[in-house]
Amino acid sequence: MSLINPRIESSQEPSPPTGVLGSDEASTRLQDMELQMTRAAMCHQYALLEYDRTVCLIRRGELLEEMELYHRDYQQARLHLAHFHPEKVQDLEMDLKAQKLLVFSGYQA
């Protein structure tokens, strides 16, 4: 089960955000997937920064596990978003790249 969005499970087939669902619910689901991707990407980046600055091997191991979970959550949300809104994936990923450059450009490992 996803740590970020417990409603989405990797073994679960995505349910359509349009047609069967009302437009408000479809819009909310779309926003949830975008938020899950954004949150996972940014948390992964923060964990990576901490990993690069940490010398404790135990903590580095914990951070590797965290980064793997963030990566899985990101990929899971991306899969759902690409299935129903493929045009949104590229736009969101370009926005995320720009956000990361803006937020993390001052950090040095």
N, C-alpha and C. Protein backbone atom coordinates (compact mmCIF):
# COMPACT_ATOMS: atom_id res chain seq x y z
N MET A 1 0.84 -1.18 0.00
CA MET A 1 0.00 0.00 0.00
C MET A 1 0.88 1.24 0.00
N SER A 2 0.45 2.26 -0.65
CA SER A 2 1.20 3.49 -0.76
C SER A 2 1.22 4.24 0.57
N LEU A 3 2.38 4.75 0.95
CA LEU A 3 2.47 5.57 2.15
C LEU A 3 1.85 6.93 1.93
N ILE A 4 1.92 7.41 0.72
CA ILE A 4 1.43 8.75 0.43
C ILE A 4 -0.06 8.74 0.15
N ASN A 5 -0.54 7.77 -0.59
CA ASN A 5 -1.96 7.72 -0.91
C ASN A 5 -2.43 6.28 -0.69
N PRO A 6 -2.98 5.99 0.49
CA PRO A 6 -3.35 4.62 0.81
C PRO A 6 -4.47 4.08 -0.06
N ARG A 7 -5.14 4.94 -0.82
CA ARG A 7 -6.23 4.47 -1.68
C ARG A 7 -5.70 3.78 -2.92
N ILE A 8 -4.43 3.97 -3.26
CA ILE A 8 -3.85 3.37 -4.46
C ILE A 8 -2.92 2.25 -4.05
N GLU A 9 -3.15 1.06 -4.53
CA GLU A 9 -2.28 -0.07 -4.28
C GLU A 9 -1.70 -0.54 -5.60
N SER A 10 -0.46 -1.02 -5.57
CA SER A 10 0.22 -1.39 -6.80
C SER A 10 -0.46 -2.55 -7.51
N SER A 11 -1.08 -3.46 -6.79
CA SER A 11 -1.73 -4.60 -7.43
C SER A 11 -3.14 -4.26 -7.90
N GLN A 12 -3.62 -3.11 -7.52
CA GLN A 12 -4.98 -2.69 -7.85
C GLN A 12 -5.01 -2.07 -9.24
N GLU A 13 -5.97 -2.50 -10.06
CA GLU A 13 -6.15 -1.92 -11.39
C GLU A 13 -6.75 -0.53 -11.22
N PRO A 14 -6.22 0.47 -11.92
CA PRO A 14 -6.76 1.82 -11.78
C PRO A 14 -8.21 1.87 -12.21
N SER A 15 -9.00 2.59 -11.43
CA SER A 15 -10.39 2.79 -11.82
C SER A 15 -10.49 4.11 -12.57
N PRO A 16 -11.33 4.18 -13.57
CA PRO A 16 -11.38 5.37 -14.42
C PRO A 16 -11.81 6.62 -13.67
N PRO A 17 -11.07 7.73 -13.84
CA PRO A 17 -11.45 8.96 -13.17
C PRO A 17 -12.56 9.70 -13.90
N THR A 18 -12.93 9.28 -15.07
CA THR A 18 -14.02 9.93 -15.78
C THR A 18 -15.05 8.89 -16.18
N GLY A 19 -16.23 9.32 -16.57
CA GLY A 19 -17.27 8.40 -17.00
C GLY A 19 -18.01 7.82 -15.80
N VAL A 20 -17.38 6.86 -15.11
CA VAL A 20 -18.01 6.22 -13.98
C VAL A 20 -18.08 7.16 -12.79
N LEU A 21 -17.05 7.96 -12.60
CA LEU A 21 -17.01 8.91 -11.50
C LEU A 21 -17.61 10.24 -11.93
N GLY A 22 -18.10 10.99 -10.96
CA GLY A 22 -18.57 12.33 -11.25
C GLY A 22 -17.40 13.23 -11.58
N SER A 23 -17.66 14.36 -12.21
CA SER A 23 -16.58 15.24 -12.63
C SER A 23 -15.79 15.79 -11.45
N ASP A 24 -16.46 16.08 -10.32
CA ASP A 24 -15.75 16.56 -9.14
C ASP A 24 -14.84 15.49 -8.58
N GLU A 25 -15.33 14.26 -8.54
CA GLU A 25 -14.52 13.16 -8.02
C GLU A 25 -13.35 12.86 -8.96
N ALA A 26 -13.59 12.95 -10.26
CA ALA A 26 -12.53 12.72 -11.24
C ALA A 26 -11.46 13.80 -11.11
N SER A 27 -11.87 15.03 -10.92
CA SER A 27 -10.93 16.13 -10.75
C SER A 27 -10.12 15.95 -9.47
N THR A 28 -10.76 15.54 -8.41
CA THR A 28 -10.07 15.30 -7.14
C THR A 28 -9.07 14.16 -7.28
N ARG A 29 -9.45 13.11 -7.97
CA ARG A 29 -8.55 11.96 -8.17
C ARG A 29 -7.33 12.38 -8.99
N LEU A 30 -7.55 13.19 -10.03
CA LEU A 30 -6.45 13.70 -10.84
C LEU A 30 -5.50 14.53 -9.97
N GLN A 31 -6.06 15.41 -9.16
CA GLN A 31 -5.23 16.24 -8.27
C GLN A 31 -4.48 15.37 -7.27
N ASP A 32 -5.12 14.32 -6.76
CA ASP A 32 -4.46 13.41 -5.82
C ASP A 32 -3.24 12.75 -6.47
N MET A 33 -3.39 12.30 -7.71
CA MET A 33 -2.27 11.65 -8.39
C MET A 33 -1.14 12.65 -8.64
N GLU A 34 -1.49 13.86 -9.05
CA GLU A 34 -0.47 14.89 -9.27
C GLU A 34 0.23 15.24 -7.96
N LEU A 35 -0.54 15.36 -6.89
CA LEU A 35 0.04 15.67 -5.59
C LEU A 35 0.94 14.54 -5.10
N GLN A 36 0.52 13.30 -5.32
CA GLN A 36 1.34 12.16 -4.91
C GLN A 36 2.67 12.16 -5.65
N MET A 37 2.65 12.44 -6.95
CA MET A 37 3.90 12.50 -7.72
C MET A 37 4.79 13.63 -7.21
N THR A 38 4.20 14.78 -6.98
CA THR A 38 4.97 15.94 -6.52
C THR A 38 5.58 15.69 -5.15
N ARG A 39 4.77 15.20 -4.24
CA ARG A 39 5.25 14.95 -2.88
C ARG A 39 6.36 13.91 -2.88
N ALA A 40 6.16 12.82 -3.61
CA ALA A 40 7.18 11.77 -3.65
C ALA A 40 8.49 12.27 -4.25
N ALA A 41 8.39 13.07 -5.32
CA ALA A 41 9.60 13.59 -5.97
C ALA A 41 10.38 14.51 -5.03
N MET A 42 9.67 15.40 -4.34
CA MET A 42 10.35 16.34 -3.47
C MET A 42 10.90 15.65 -2.22
N CYS A 43 10.14 14.73 -1.64
CA CYS A 43 10.63 13.99 -0.47
C CYS A 43 11.85 13.15 -0.83
N HIS A 44 11.82 12.55 -2.01
CA HIS A 44 12.98 11.78 -2.47
C HIS A 44 14.21 12.66 -2.56
N GLN A 45 14.03 13.86 -3.09
CA GLN A 45 15.16 14.78 -3.24
C GLN A 45 15.72 15.22 -1.89
N TYR A 46 14.82 15.51 -0.92
CA TYR A 46 15.29 15.87 0.42
C TYR A 46 16.02 14.70 1.07
N ALA A 47 15.51 13.49 0.90
CA ALA A 47 16.17 12.31 1.46
C ALA A 47 17.53 12.10 0.82
N LEU A 48 17.63 12.36 -0.47
CA LEU A 48 18.91 12.24 -1.17
C LEU A 48 19.92 13.26 -0.64
N LEU A 49 19.47 14.47 -0.40
CA LEU A 49 20.36 15.48 0.18
C LEU A 49 20.88 15.04 1.54
N GLU A 50 19.96 14.52 2.37
CA GLU A 50 20.39 14.06 3.69
C GLU A 50 21.35 12.88 3.56
N TYR A 51 21.06 11.98 2.64
CA TYR A 51 21.92 10.83 2.42
C TYR A 51 23.34 11.28 2.07
N ASP A 52 23.45 12.25 1.17
CA ASP A 52 24.77 12.73 0.75
C ASP A 52 25.55 13.38 1.89
N ARG A 53 24.86 13.89 2.89
CA ARG A 53 25.53 14.58 4.00
C ARG A 53 25.69 13.71 5.24
N THR A 54 25.16 12.50 5.21
CA THR A 54 25.17 11.63 6.38
C THR A 54 26.34 10.66 6.31
N VAL A 55 27.04 10.51 7.43
CA VAL A 55 28.14 9.56 7.50
C VAL A 55 27.73 8.28 8.22
N CYS A 56 26.69 8.33 9.02
CA CYS A 56 26.22 7.17 9.78
C CYS A 56 25.65 6.14 8.81
N LEU A 57 26.24 4.95 8.81
CA LEU A 57 25.82 3.90 7.88
C LEU A 57 24.39 3.42 8.15
N ILE A 58 24.00 3.40 9.41
CA ILE A 58 22.63 2.98 9.74
C ILE A 58 21.63 3.98 9.17
N ARG A 59 21.90 5.26 9.37
CA ARG A 59 20.99 6.28 8.85
C ARG A 59 20.97 6.27 7.31
N ARG A 60 22.12 6.04 6.70
CA ARG A 60 22.17 5.97 5.23
C ARG A 60 21.30 4.82 4.72
N GLY A 61 21.32 3.70 5.43
CA GLY A 61 20.47 2.56 5.07
C GLY A 61 18.99 2.91 5.18
N GLU A 62 18.65 3.62 6.25
CA GLU A 62 17.25 4.06 6.42
C GLU A 62 16.83 5.00 5.30
N LEU A 63 17.72 5.89 4.94
CA LEU A 63 17.41 6.84 3.87
C LEU A 63 17.26 6.14 2.52
N LEU A 64 18.06 5.11 2.28
CA LEU A 64 17.91 4.34 1.04
C LEU A 64 16.53 3.69 0.98
N GLU A 65 16.09 3.15 2.11
CA GLU A 65 14.76 2.55 2.16
C GLU A 65 13.68 3.60 1.90
N GLU A 66 13.81 4.78 2.53
CA GLU A 66 12.86 5.87 2.31
C GLU A 66 12.81 6.27 0.84
N MET A 67 13.99 6.41 0.23
CA MET A 67 14.04 6.82 -1.17
C MET A 67 13.38 5.79 -2.07
N GLU A 68 13.54 4.52 -1.75
CA GLU A 68 12.89 3.46 -2.53
C GLU A 68 11.38 3.57 -2.42
N LEU A 69 10.88 3.84 -1.22
CA LEU A 69 9.43 4.01 -1.05
C LEU A 69 8.91 5.22 -1.82
N TYR A 70 9.65 6.33 -1.76
CA TYR A 70 9.24 7.52 -2.52
C TYR A 70 9.25 7.24 -4.02
N HIS A 71 10.26 6.50 -4.46
CA HIS A 71 10.34 6.17 -5.88
C HIS A 71 9.14 5.31 -6.30
N ARG A 72 8.81 4.32 -5.48
CA ARG A 72 7.66 3.47 -5.78
C ARG A 72 6.36 4.26 -5.81
N ASP A 73 6.17 5.15 -4.84
CA ASP A 73 4.96 5.98 -4.81
C ASP A 73 4.88 6.86 -6.04
N TYR A 74 6.01 7.43 -6.43
CA TYR A 74 6.05 8.28 -7.62
C TYR A 74 5.66 7.48 -8.86
N GLN A 75 6.29 6.33 -9.03
CA GLN A 75 6.03 5.51 -10.21
C GLN A 75 4.59 5.01 -10.24
N GLN A 76 4.06 4.68 -9.09
CA GLN A 76 2.68 4.22 -8.99
C GLN A 76 1.71 5.32 -9.43
N ALA A 77 1.90 6.51 -8.91
CA ALA A 77 1.03 7.63 -9.28
C ALA A 77 1.22 7.99 -10.75
N ARG A 78 2.46 7.91 -11.21
CA ARG A 78 2.73 8.21 -12.62
C ARG A 78 2.02 7.23 -13.54
N LEU A 79 2.04 5.97 -13.16
CA LEU A 79 1.35 4.95 -13.94
C LEU A 79 -0.15 5.24 -14.04
N HIS A 80 -0.76 5.57 -12.91
CA HIS A 80 -2.18 5.89 -12.90
C HIS A 80 -2.47 7.14 -13.72
N LEU A 81 -1.65 8.16 -13.55
CA LEU A 81 -1.86 9.40 -14.29
C LEU A 81 -1.66 9.17 -15.78
N ALA A 82 -0.64 8.43 -16.16
CA ALA A 82 -0.37 8.17 -17.58
C ALA A 82 -1.48 7.34 -18.21
N HIS A 83 -2.11 6.50 -17.43
CA HIS A 83 -3.18 5.65 -17.95
C HIS A 83 -4.41 6.49 -18.32
N PHE A 84 -4.73 7.49 -17.52
CA PHE A 84 -5.95 8.25 -17.72
C PHE A 84 -5.72 9.64 -18.30
N HIS A 85 -4.56 10.21 -18.05
CA HIS A 85 -4.24 11.57 -18.51
C HIS A 85 -2.80 11.63 -19.00
N PRO A 86 -2.46 10.93 -20.09
CA PRO A 86 -1.06 10.88 -20.54
C PRO A 86 -0.49 12.26 -20.85
N GLU A 87 -1.33 13.18 -21.28
CA GLU A 87 -0.85 14.53 -21.61
C GLU A 87 -0.38 15.28 -20.37
N LYS A 88 -0.87 14.93 -19.21
CA LYS A 88 -0.51 15.63 -17.97
C LYS A 88 0.85 15.19 -17.43
N VAL A 89 1.26 13.96 -17.74
CA VAL A 89 2.49 13.41 -17.18
C VAL A 89 3.70 14.25 -17.60
N GLN A 90 3.84 14.52 -18.88
CA GLN A 90 5.00 15.27 -19.36
C GLN A 90 5.01 16.68 -18.78
N ASP A 91 3.85 17.33 -18.74
CA ASP A 91 3.78 18.69 -18.18
C ASP A 91 4.17 18.69 -16.70
N LEU A 92 3.64 17.73 -15.96
CA LEU A 92 3.94 17.66 -14.53
C LEU A 92 5.42 17.38 -14.30
N GLU A 93 6.00 16.47 -15.07
CA GLU A 93 7.41 16.16 -14.89
C GLU A 93 8.31 17.34 -15.25
N MET A 94 7.92 18.12 -16.25
CA MET A 94 8.69 19.34 -16.57
C MET A 94 8.57 20.35 -15.43
N ASP A 95 7.38 20.48 -14.85
CA ASP A 95 7.20 21.38 -13.70
C ASP A 95 8.01 20.92 -12.50
N LEU A 96 8.02 19.62 -12.26
CA LEU A 96 8.80 19.08 -11.13
C LEU A 96 10.29 19.34 -11.31
N LYS A 97 10.76 19.17 -12.52
CA LYS A 97 12.18 19.42 -12.79
C LYS A 97 12.51 20.89 -12.51
N ALA A 98 11.65 21.79 -12.95
CA ALA A 98 11.86 23.21 -12.71
C ALA A 98 11.82 23.53 -11.21
N GLN A 99 10.88 22.92 -10.49
CA GLN A 99 10.79 23.13 -9.05
C GLN A 99 12.05 22.65 -8.34
N LYS A 100 12.52 21.48 -8.73
CA LYS A 100 13.73 20.94 -8.10
C LYS A 100 14.93 21.84 -8.36
N LEU A 101 15.05 22.34 -9.58
CA LEU A 101 16.16 23.24 -9.89
C LEU A 101 16.08 24.52 -9.06
N LEU A 102 14.88 25.03 -8.89
CA LEU A 102 14.69 26.25 -8.12
C LEU A 102 14.96 26.03 -6.63
N VAL A 103 14.41 24.96 -6.09
CA VAL A 103 14.51 24.71 -4.65
C VAL A 103 15.87 24.17 -4.24
N PHE A 104 16.43 23.28 -5.05
CA PHE A 104 17.64 22.58 -4.64
C PHE A 104 18.92 23.08 -5.31
N SER A 105 18.85 24.13 -6.08
CA SER A 105 20.04 24.60 -6.79
C SER A 105 21.14 25.10 -5.86
N GLY A 106 20.79 25.57 -4.68
CA GLY A 106 21.78 26.08 -3.75
C GLY A 106 22.45 25.03 -2.91
N TYR A 107 21.94 23.79 -2.95
CA TYR A 107 22.50 22.72 -2.14
C TYR A 107 23.65 22.05 -2.85
N GLN A 108 24.69 21.78 -2.10
CA GLN A 108 25.84 21.06 -2.61
C GLN A 108 26.07 19.82 -1.75
N ALA A 109 26.33 18.71 -2.37
CA ALA A 109 26.58 17.46 -1.62
C ALA A 109 27.94 17.49 -0.98
